[in-house]
Protein backbone atom coordinates (compact mmCIF):
# COMPACT_ATOMS: atom_id res chain seq x y z
CA UNK A 1 0.15 -0.02 -0.26
CA UNK A 2 2.86 2.39 0.27
CA UNK A 3 3.35 2.51 -3.04
CA UNK A 4 -0.42 4.08 -3.43
CA UNK A 5 0.02 5.65 -0.42
CA UNK A 6 2.57 8.01 -2.05
CA UNK A 7 0.83 8.37 -5.29
CA UNK A 8 -2.83 9.71 -3.62
CA UNK A 9 -0.36 11.89 -1.38
CA UNK A 10 0.91 13.78 -4.79
CA UNK A 11 -2.72 14.28 -6.01
CA UNK A 12 -4.23 15.68 -2.86
CA UNK A 13 -3.82 19.48 -3.63
CA UNK A 14 -6.27 18.55 -6.46
CA UNK A 15 -8.76 17.15 -3.92
CA UNK A 16 -9.26 20.70 -2.22
CA UNK A 17 -12.87 21.94 -2.00
CA UNK A 18 -14.06 18.46 -2.01
CA UNK A 19 -15.34 18.79 1.62
CA UNK A 20 -15.77 15.13 2.75
CA UNK A 21 -13.97 12.67 4.29
CA UNK A 22 -13.07 9.48 1.60
CA UNK A 23 -11.96 5.82 2.40
CA UNK A 24 -10.60 3.61 0.04
CA UNK A 25 -11.15 0.23 1.51
CA UNK A 26 -8.84 -2.43 -0.12
CA UNK A 27 -10.13 -5.25 2.42
CA UNK A 28 -7.03 -7.32 3.65
CA UNK A 29 -4.37 -5.48 1.93
CA UNK A 30 -5.35 -2.14 4.23
CA UNK A 31 -7.43 1.14 3.91
CA UNK A 32 -6.56 4.80 3.32
CA UNK A 33 -8.50 7.45 4.90
CA UNK A 34 -8.42 11.10 2.93
CA UNK A 35 -9.98 13.92 5.16
CA UNK A 36 -10.69 16.64 2.70
CA UNK A 37 -13.10 19.13 4.93
CA UNK A 38 -10.35 21.63 6.10
CA UNK A 39 -7.94 24.16 3.89
CA UNK A 40 -5.44 21.14 3.17
CA UNK A 41 -6.22 17.67 2.36
CA UNK A 42 -4.08 14.71 5.01
CA UNK A 43 -4.33 11.13 4.24
CA UNK A 44 -4.15 8.80 7.29
CA UNK A 45 -5.15 4.72 7.67
CA UNK A 46 -7.33 6.00 10.39
CA UNK A 47 -10.54 4.12 10.93
CA UNK A 48 -12.32 4.53 7.65
CA UNK A 49 -15.74 3.78 9.43
CA UNK A 50 -16.77 7.54 10.08
CA UNK A 51 -15.72 8.12 6.60
CA UNK A 52 -18.85 10.40 3.78
CA UNK A 53 -17.85 7.81 1.56
CA UNK A 54 -16.42 4.41 1.41
CA UNK A 55 -14.96 2.66 -1.98
CA UNK A 56 -14.33 -0.76 -1.02
CA UNK A 57 -11.56 -1.53 -3.92
CA UNK A 58 -9.37 -4.31 -4.60
CA UNK A 59 -5.80 -3.32 -4.30
CA UNK A 60 -4.47 -4.09 -8.09
CA UNK A 61 -7.62 -2.36 -8.84
CA UNK A 62 -6.86 1.15 -6.85
CA UNK A 63 -3.39 1.23 -8.65
CA UNK A 64 -4.96 1.04 -11.83
CA UNK A 65 -7.64 3.59 -10.82
CA UNK A 66 -5.45 6.38 -9.39
CA UNK A 67 -3.18 5.72 -12.03
CA UNK A 68 -6.40 6.86 -14.88
CA UNK A 69 -6.10 2.82 -15.98
CA UNK A 70 -9.10 2.28 -15.13
CA UNK A 71 -12.14 4.13 -15.42
CA UNK A 72 -14.53 4.86 -12.31
CA UNK A 73 -17.80 4.96 -13.67
CA UNK A 74 -16.75 1.61 -15.68
CA UNK A 75 -14.95 0.28 -12.64
CA UNK A 76 -18.83 0.72 -10.62
CA UNK A 77 -20.63 -0.67 -13.43
CA UNK A 78 -18.40 -4.22 -13.28
CA UNK A 79 -18.74 -4.16 -9.62
CA UNK A 80 -14.74 -3.73 -8.94
CA UNK A 81 -15.71 -0.66 -7.18
CA UNK A 82 -18.45 -0.97 -4.40
CA UNK A 83 -19.56 2.77 -2.62
CA UNK A 84 -21.07 2.29 0.71
CA UNK A 85 -21.86 6.14 1.51
CA UNK A 86 -22.20 9.11 -0.19
CA UNK A 87 -23.01 8.79 -4.57
CA UNK A 88 -22.55 12.67 -4.96
CA UNK A 89 -18.78 12.55 -2.64
CA UNK A 90 -18.05 9.24 -4.90
CA UNK A 91 -18.96 11.58 -8.16
CA UNK A 92 -17.45 14.69 -7.13
CA UNK A 93 -13.72 12.70 -6.83
CA UNK A 94 -14.09 11.62 -9.48
CA UNK A 95 -14.09 14.15 -11.49
CA UNK A 96 -11.60 16.26 -9.23
CA UNK A 97 -8.95 13.17 -9.84
CA UNK A 98 -8.91 13.78 -13.82
């Protein structure tokens, strides 16, 4: 997960204005929580259960998603990405990472 974490850290400035807490849940591989409610988005491995939106995805698919090699809508349609919580936050996150 360290390589994914570094890539996500590079993209944090793009998430200013998201005004939400988002978690990527990769099951046994771990999770990443992004708190974009303040002026500067922060990343942690806090408990993801309090997130506004939890994206359940396998680690390999998350790597593809972050690299731009997997379309979020396609991943959702194919069942590779499951969303728990706010669909609006998920849609906004997707557009901010393009």
